[in-house]
Amino acid sequence: MQNATLNQLSEQIHKTCKEKGFYDKPSELGTQLMLITSELGEALEAARKGYWSATHSPNAALSIEDEEKFKEYYQIHIKGRYEEEIADAIIRLLDHAGYMEIDVNAHVLAKMRYNAMRPYKHGKEF
């Protein structure tokens, strides 16, 4: 799925989540949003502990063809690291967008265009 649009990623992520049983029961909006938030909390904790995978590229992991070797590399060098938790938050957001049938591409592009027209710090102190 290299070079996929946000909408394509959203659709694939949501499809996988459904296949893995995360939608066997109706999913509550508040629960989905808190699961997204919890991933950001996990990213903060990884950063606080100094757990970074920056020295081990996910591209190196992706280049490993053998599934068991990929899994071993991932678990040693990427699992539980800050970057993985950020990816988890993005995946949960895109899953949520897929569930809600949100056109993520259009909304992100519209928001970016709007933000470009806003004043410095959006007129706020911070």
N, C-alpha and C. Protein backbone atom coordinates (compact mmCIF):
# COMPACT_ATOMS: atom_id res chain seq x y z
N MET A 1 0.82 -1.20 0.00
CA MET A 1 0.00 0.00 0.00
C MET A 1 0.86 1.26 0.00
N GLN A 2 2.09 1.13 -0.48
CA GLN A 2 2.92 2.33 -0.57
C GLN A 2 2.25 3.33 -1.49
N ASN A 3 2.38 4.60 -1.15
CA ASN A 3 1.81 5.71 -1.91
C ASN A 3 0.27 5.71 -1.92
N ALA A 4 -0.34 5.06 -0.93
CA ALA A 4 -1.79 5.04 -0.83
C ALA A 4 -2.29 6.38 -0.30
N THR A 5 -3.49 6.75 -0.70
CA THR A 5 -4.11 7.95 -0.15
C THR A 5 -4.57 7.66 1.28
N LEU A 6 -4.88 8.71 2.01
CA LEU A 6 -5.42 8.52 3.36
C LEU A 6 -6.72 7.72 3.31
N ASN A 7 -7.56 8.00 2.32
CA ASN A 7 -8.82 7.26 2.20
C ASN A 7 -8.56 5.78 1.93
N GLN A 8 -7.59 5.47 1.09
CA GLN A 8 -7.28 4.07 0.81
C GLN A 8 -6.75 3.37 2.06
N LEU A 9 -5.87 4.06 2.79
CA LEU A 9 -5.36 3.50 4.05
C LEU A 9 -6.49 3.29 5.04
N SER A 10 -7.38 4.28 5.14
CA SER A 10 -8.51 4.20 6.04
C SER A 10 -9.38 2.99 5.72
N GLU A 11 -9.69 2.80 4.45
CA GLU A 11 -10.52 1.66 4.04
C GLU A 11 -9.85 0.34 4.37
N GLN A 12 -8.54 0.23 4.07
CA GLN A 12 -7.81 -1.03 4.33
C GLN A 12 -7.70 -1.29 5.83
N ILE A 13 -7.38 -0.27 6.60
CA ILE A 13 -7.26 -0.43 8.05
C ILE A 13 -8.60 -0.85 8.65
N HIS A 14 -9.67 -0.19 8.24
CA HIS A 14 -10.98 -0.54 8.78
C HIS A 14 -11.38 -1.96 8.39
N LYS A 15 -11.09 -2.35 7.17
CA LYS A 15 -11.38 -3.72 6.71
C LYS A 15 -10.64 -4.73 7.58
N THR A 16 -9.36 -4.48 7.84
CA THR A 16 -8.55 -5.38 8.67
C THR A 16 -9.10 -5.44 10.10
N CYS A 17 -9.48 -4.29 10.64
CA CYS A 17 -10.03 -4.25 12.00
C CYS A 17 -11.32 -5.07 12.09
N LYS A 18 -12.14 -4.97 11.07
CA LYS A 18 -13.37 -5.77 11.05
C LYS A 18 -13.03 -7.25 10.97
N GLU A 19 -12.07 -7.61 10.13
CA GLU A 19 -11.66 -9.01 9.98
C GLU A 19 -11.09 -9.57 11.28
N LYS A 20 -10.43 -8.72 12.06
CA LYS A 20 -9.81 -9.15 13.32
C LYS A 20 -10.78 -9.09 14.50
N GLY A 21 -12.06 -8.81 14.23
CA GLY A 21 -13.09 -8.91 15.25
C GLY A 21 -13.38 -7.66 16.05
N PHE A 22 -12.79 -6.52 15.68
CA PHE A 22 -13.00 -5.31 16.47
C PHE A 22 -14.37 -4.67 16.26
N TYR A 23 -15.13 -5.19 15.32
CA TYR A 23 -16.47 -4.65 15.08
C TYR A 23 -17.54 -5.75 15.15
N ASP A 24 -17.26 -6.83 15.88
CA ASP A 24 -18.26 -7.87 16.06
C ASP A 24 -19.48 -7.33 16.81
N LYS A 25 -19.25 -6.36 17.67
CA LYS A 25 -20.32 -5.67 18.39
C LYS A 25 -20.29 -4.21 17.95
N PRO A 26 -21.40 -3.50 18.08
CA PRO A 26 -21.38 -2.07 17.72
C PRO A 26 -20.29 -1.33 18.51
N SER A 27 -19.63 -0.42 17.86
CA SER A 27 -18.54 0.33 18.47
C SER A 27 -19.01 1.72 18.85
N GLU A 28 -18.87 2.06 20.12
CA GLU A 28 -19.32 3.35 20.63
C GLU A 28 -18.31 4.44 20.28
N LEU A 29 -18.83 5.59 19.89
CA LEU A 29 -17.98 6.73 19.50
C LEU A 29 -16.99 7.09 20.59
N GLY A 30 -17.46 7.23 21.82
CA GLY A 30 -16.59 7.61 22.93
C GLY A 30 -15.46 6.61 23.15
N THR A 31 -15.77 5.33 23.02
CA THR A 31 -14.74 4.30 23.17
C THR A 31 -13.70 4.42 22.08
N GLN A 32 -14.15 4.63 20.85
CA GLN A 32 -13.19 4.79 19.75
C GLN A 32 -12.26 5.97 19.99
N LEU A 33 -12.83 7.10 20.40
CA LEU A 33 -12.01 8.30 20.64
C LEU A 33 -11.04 8.10 21.79
N MET A 34 -11.46 7.40 22.83
CA MET A 34 -10.55 7.15 23.96
C MET A 34 -9.45 6.17 23.59
N LEU A 35 -9.73 5.22 22.71
CA LEU A 35 -8.68 4.31 22.25
C LEU A 35 -7.62 5.07 21.44
N ILE A 36 -8.06 6.05 20.67
CA ILE A 36 -7.11 6.91 19.94
C ILE A 36 -6.26 7.67 20.95
N THR A 37 -6.92 8.25 21.95
CA THR A 37 -6.23 9.02 22.99
C THR A 37 -5.25 8.14 23.76
N SER A 38 -5.64 6.91 24.04
CA SER A 38 -4.76 6.02 24.81
C SER A 38 -3.46 5.74 24.06
N GLU A 39 -3.52 5.68 22.74
CA GLU A 39 -2.30 5.47 21.96
C GLU A 39 -1.35 6.66 22.11
N LEU A 40 -1.91 7.86 22.18
CA LEU A 40 -1.06 9.04 22.39
C LEU A 40 -0.44 9.02 23.78
N GLY A 41 -1.20 8.53 24.77
CA GLY A 41 -0.65 8.36 26.11
C GLY A 41 0.49 7.36 26.11
N GLU A 42 0.35 6.29 25.35
CA GLU A 42 1.42 5.30 25.24
C GLU A 42 2.64 5.91 24.55
N ALA A 43 2.43 6.78 23.58
CA ALA A 43 3.55 7.47 22.93
C ALA A 43 4.29 8.35 23.94
N LEU A 44 3.55 9.06 24.77
CA LEU A 44 4.17 9.90 25.79
C LEU A 44 5.01 9.05 26.74
N GLU A 45 4.47 7.94 27.19
CA GLU A 45 5.21 7.07 28.11
C GLU A 45 6.46 6.50 27.45
N ALA A 46 6.37 6.12 26.18
CA ALA A 46 7.56 5.63 25.48
C ALA A 46 8.62 6.72 25.40
N ALA A 47 8.22 7.95 25.13
CA ALA A 47 9.16 9.06 25.07
C ALA A 47 9.78 9.31 26.44
N ARG A 48 8.96 9.27 27.47
CA ARG A 48 9.46 9.49 28.84
C ARG A 48 10.50 8.45 29.23
N LYS A 49 10.37 7.23 28.71
CA LYS A 49 11.30 6.15 29.01
C LYS A 49 12.49 6.12 28.05
N GLY A 50 12.45 7.00 27.04
CA GLY A 50 13.53 7.03 26.05
C GLY A 50 13.45 5.90 25.05
N TYR A 51 12.26 5.37 24.83
CA TYR A 51 12.07 4.27 23.89
C TYR A 51 11.82 4.82 22.49
N TRP A 52 12.89 4.90 21.72
CA TRP A 52 12.82 5.41 20.35
C TRP A 52 13.30 4.33 19.40
N SER A 53 12.73 4.25 18.24
CA SER A 53 13.20 3.28 17.24
C SER A 53 13.91 3.98 16.09
N ALA A 54 14.21 5.25 16.25
CA ALA A 54 14.79 6.05 15.17
C ALA A 54 16.06 5.43 14.61
N THR A 55 16.81 4.69 15.43
CA THR A 55 18.04 4.07 14.92
C THR A 55 17.74 2.80 14.14
N HIS A 56 16.50 2.32 14.19
CA HIS A 56 16.10 1.11 13.46
C HIS A 56 14.93 1.47 12.56
N SER A 57 15.21 1.57 11.30
CA SER A 57 14.23 2.02 10.33
C SER A 57 13.14 0.97 10.11
N PRO A 58 11.87 1.42 10.06
CA PRO A 58 10.83 0.46 9.68
C PRO A 58 11.02 -0.03 8.25
N ASN A 59 11.71 0.76 7.43
CA ASN A 59 11.99 0.31 6.06
C ASN A 59 12.90 -0.91 6.07
N ALA A 60 13.81 -0.97 7.06
CA ALA A 60 14.66 -2.16 7.18
C ALA A 60 13.79 -3.36 7.53
N ALA A 61 12.83 -3.17 8.42
CA ALA A 61 11.92 -4.26 8.78
C ALA A 61 11.10 -4.69 7.57
N LEU A 62 10.59 -3.71 6.83
CA LEU A 62 9.74 -4.02 5.68
C LEU A 62 10.50 -4.74 4.56
N SER A 63 11.81 -4.58 4.54
CA SER A 63 12.61 -5.25 3.51
C SER A 63 12.86 -6.73 3.83
N ILE A 64 12.52 -7.15 5.05
CA ILE A 64 12.70 -8.56 5.44
C ILE A 64 11.54 -9.37 4.88
N GLU A 65 11.83 -10.28 4.00
CA GLU A 65 10.78 -11.06 3.34
C GLU A 65 10.23 -12.18 4.21
N ASP A 66 11.08 -12.83 4.97
CA ASP A 66 10.64 -13.93 5.84
C ASP A 66 9.78 -13.38 6.97
N GLU A 67 8.54 -13.88 7.09
CA GLU A 67 7.59 -13.36 8.07
C GLU A 67 8.09 -13.49 9.51
N GLU A 68 8.69 -14.63 9.85
CA GLU A 68 9.18 -14.83 11.22
C GLU A 68 10.34 -13.89 11.54
N LYS A 69 11.24 -13.69 10.58
CA LYS A 69 12.36 -12.77 10.79
C LYS A 69 11.86 -11.34 10.90
N PHE A 70 10.86 -10.98 10.08
CA PHE A 70 10.25 -9.65 10.17
C PHE A 70 9.67 -9.44 11.56
N LYS A 71 8.89 -10.41 12.02
CA LYS A 71 8.24 -10.31 13.33
C LYS A 71 9.27 -10.17 14.44
N GLU A 72 10.34 -10.95 14.38
CA GLU A 72 11.40 -10.88 15.39
C GLU A 72 12.07 -9.50 15.38
N TYR A 73 12.43 -9.01 14.20
CA TYR A 73 13.04 -7.69 14.08
C TYR A 73 12.11 -6.62 14.64
N TYR A 74 10.84 -6.70 14.26
CA TYR A 74 9.86 -5.71 14.70
C TYR A 74 9.74 -5.70 16.22
N GLN A 75 9.61 -6.87 16.80
CA GLN A 75 9.44 -6.96 18.25
C GLN A 75 10.66 -6.46 19.02
N ILE A 76 11.83 -6.65 18.48
CA ILE A 76 13.06 -6.21 19.16
C ILE A 76 13.30 -4.73 18.98
N HIS A 77 13.11 -4.21 17.76
CA HIS A 77 13.54 -2.85 17.44
C HIS A 77 12.45 -1.79 17.34
N ILE A 78 11.20 -2.19 17.20
CA ILE A 78 10.14 -1.21 16.94
C ILE A 78 9.02 -1.27 17.98
N LYS A 79 8.62 -2.46 18.39
CA LYS A 79 7.49 -2.66 19.31
C LYS A 79 7.65 -1.83 20.58
N GLY A 80 6.61 -1.08 20.92
CA GLY A 80 6.60 -0.30 22.15
C GLY A 80 7.38 1.00 22.10
N ARG A 81 7.95 1.31 20.95
CA ARG A 81 8.72 2.55 20.81
C ARG A 81 7.78 3.71 20.46
N TYR A 82 8.28 4.91 20.66
CA TYR A 82 7.50 6.12 20.42
C TYR A 82 6.88 6.14 19.03
N GLU A 83 7.71 5.84 18.02
CA GLU A 83 7.24 5.91 16.64
C GLU A 83 6.11 4.91 16.38
N GLU A 84 6.19 3.73 16.99
CA GLU A 84 5.13 2.75 16.82
C GLU A 84 3.82 3.24 17.43
N GLU A 85 3.92 3.89 18.59
CA GLU A 85 2.71 4.38 19.26
C GLU A 85 2.07 5.51 18.45
N ILE A 86 2.88 6.34 17.82
CA ILE A 86 2.33 7.38 16.93
C ILE A 86 1.63 6.70 15.75
N ALA A 87 2.25 5.67 15.19
CA ALA A 87 1.62 4.92 14.10
C ALA A 87 0.30 4.30 14.57
N ASP A 88 0.28 3.77 15.80
CA ASP A 88 -0.96 3.20 16.35
C ASP A 88 -2.06 4.25 16.43
N ALA A 89 -1.73 5.46 16.87
CA ALA A 89 -2.72 6.53 16.97
C ALA A 89 -3.27 6.87 15.58
N ILE A 90 -2.38 6.95 14.60
CA ILE A 90 -2.81 7.26 13.22
C ILE A 90 -3.69 6.13 12.69
N ILE A 91 -3.30 4.89 12.95
CA ILE A 91 -4.09 3.74 12.50
C ILE A 91 -5.48 3.78 13.13
N ARG A 92 -5.54 4.06 14.43
CA ARG A 92 -6.85 4.13 15.09
C ARG A 92 -7.69 5.28 14.52
N LEU A 93 -7.05 6.42 14.24
CA LEU A 93 -7.79 7.54 13.63
C LEU A 93 -8.32 7.16 12.25
N LEU A 94 -7.49 6.53 11.45
CA LEU A 94 -7.92 6.14 10.11
C LEU A 94 -8.97 5.04 10.15
N ASP A 95 -8.87 4.13 11.13
CA ASP A 95 -9.92 3.13 11.30
C ASP A 95 -11.24 3.82 11.64
N HIS A 96 -11.18 4.77 12.57
CA HIS A 96 -12.38 5.51 12.96
C HIS A 96 -12.98 6.24 11.75
N ALA A 97 -12.13 6.85 10.95
CA ALA A 97 -12.60 7.55 9.75
C ALA A 97 -13.27 6.57 8.79
N GLY A 98 -12.71 5.39 8.66
CA GLY A 98 -13.32 4.37 7.82
C GLY A 98 -14.67 3.93 8.36
N TYR A 99 -14.74 3.74 9.67
CA TYR A 99 -15.99 3.35 10.31
C TYR A 99 -17.07 4.41 10.11
N MET A 100 -16.68 5.68 10.23
CA MET A 100 -17.62 6.79 10.10
C MET A 100 -17.82 7.23 8.65
N GLU A 101 -17.09 6.59 7.72
CA GLU A 101 -17.15 6.91 6.29
C GLU A 101 -16.82 8.38 6.02
N ILE A 102 -15.73 8.82 6.64
CA ILE A 102 -15.26 10.20 6.48
C ILE A 102 -14.29 10.26 5.31
N ASP A 103 -14.43 11.24 4.45
CA ASP A 103 -13.49 11.47 3.35
C ASP A 103 -12.29 12.20 3.95
N VAL A 104 -11.35 11.41 4.47
CA VAL A 104 -10.20 11.97 5.19
C VAL A 104 -9.37 12.86 4.27
N ASN A 105 -9.13 12.42 3.04
CA ASN A 105 -8.33 13.23 2.11
C ASN A 105 -8.89 14.64 1.99
N ALA A 106 -10.16 14.74 1.69
CA ALA A 106 -10.78 16.04 1.47
C ALA A 106 -10.76 16.89 2.75
N HIS A 107 -11.07 16.27 3.87
CA HIS A 107 -11.10 17.04 5.13
C HIS A 107 -9.72 17.54 5.54
N VAL A 108 -8.69 16.70 5.36
CA VAL A 108 -7.33 17.13 5.71
C VAL A 108 -6.88 18.26 4.78
N LEU A 109 -7.12 18.10 3.48
CA LEU A 109 -6.71 19.14 2.54
C LEU A 109 -7.47 20.46 2.78
N ALA A 110 -8.77 20.38 3.06
CA ALA A 110 -9.54 21.60 3.35
C ALA A 110 -9.03 22.27 4.62
N LYS A 111 -8.74 21.48 5.64
CA LYS A 111 -8.24 22.05 6.90
C LYS A 111 -6.86 22.67 6.72
N MET A 112 -5.99 22.01 5.96
CA MET A 112 -4.66 22.57 5.70
C MET A 112 -4.78 23.90 4.96
N ARG A 113 -5.66 23.98 3.99
CA ARG A 113 -5.86 25.23 3.25
C ARG A 113 -6.38 26.33 4.18
N TYR A 114 -7.35 25.97 5.02
CA TYR A 114 -7.90 26.93 5.98
C TYR A 114 -6.81 27.40 6.95
N ASN A 115 -6.02 26.46 7.49
CA ASN A 115 -4.96 26.82 8.45
C ASN A 115 -3.93 27.75 7.83
N ALA A 116 -3.64 27.57 6.54
CA ALA A 116 -2.66 28.42 5.86
C ALA A 116 -3.11 29.88 5.82
N MET A 117 -4.41 30.12 5.91
CA MET A 117 -4.96 31.48 5.86
C MET A 117 -5.11 32.10 7.26
N ARG A 118 -4.87 31.33 8.28
CA ARG A 118 -5.07 31.81 9.64
C ARG A 118 -3.87 32.65 10.10
N PRO A 119 -4.07 33.50 11.10
CA PRO A 119 -2.97 34.34 11.58
C PRO A 119 -1.93 33.53 12.36
N TYR A 120 -0.82 34.17 12.62
CA TYR A 120 0.27 33.57 13.40
C TYR A 120 -0.28 32.98 14.70
N LYS A 121 0.07 31.74 14.98
CA LYS A 121 -0.42 30.98 16.14
C LYS A 121 -1.95 31.05 16.23
N HIS A 122 -2.56 31.24 15.11
CA HIS A 122 -4.02 31.32 15.01
C HIS A 122 -4.60 32.39 15.92
N GLY A 123 -3.77 33.45 16.16
CA GLY A 123 -4.20 34.57 16.98
C GLY A 123 -4.19 34.31 18.47
N LYS A 124 -3.53 33.22 18.88
CA LYS A 124 -3.52 32.85 20.30
C LYS A 124 -2.10 32.90 20.84
N GLU A 125 -1.99 32.85 22.14
CA GLU A 125 -0.68 32.91 22.81
C GLU A 125 0.14 31.63 22.55
N PHE A 126 -0.51 30.48 22.59
CA PHE A 126 0.18 29.21 22.35
C PHE A 126 -0.77 28.19 21.81
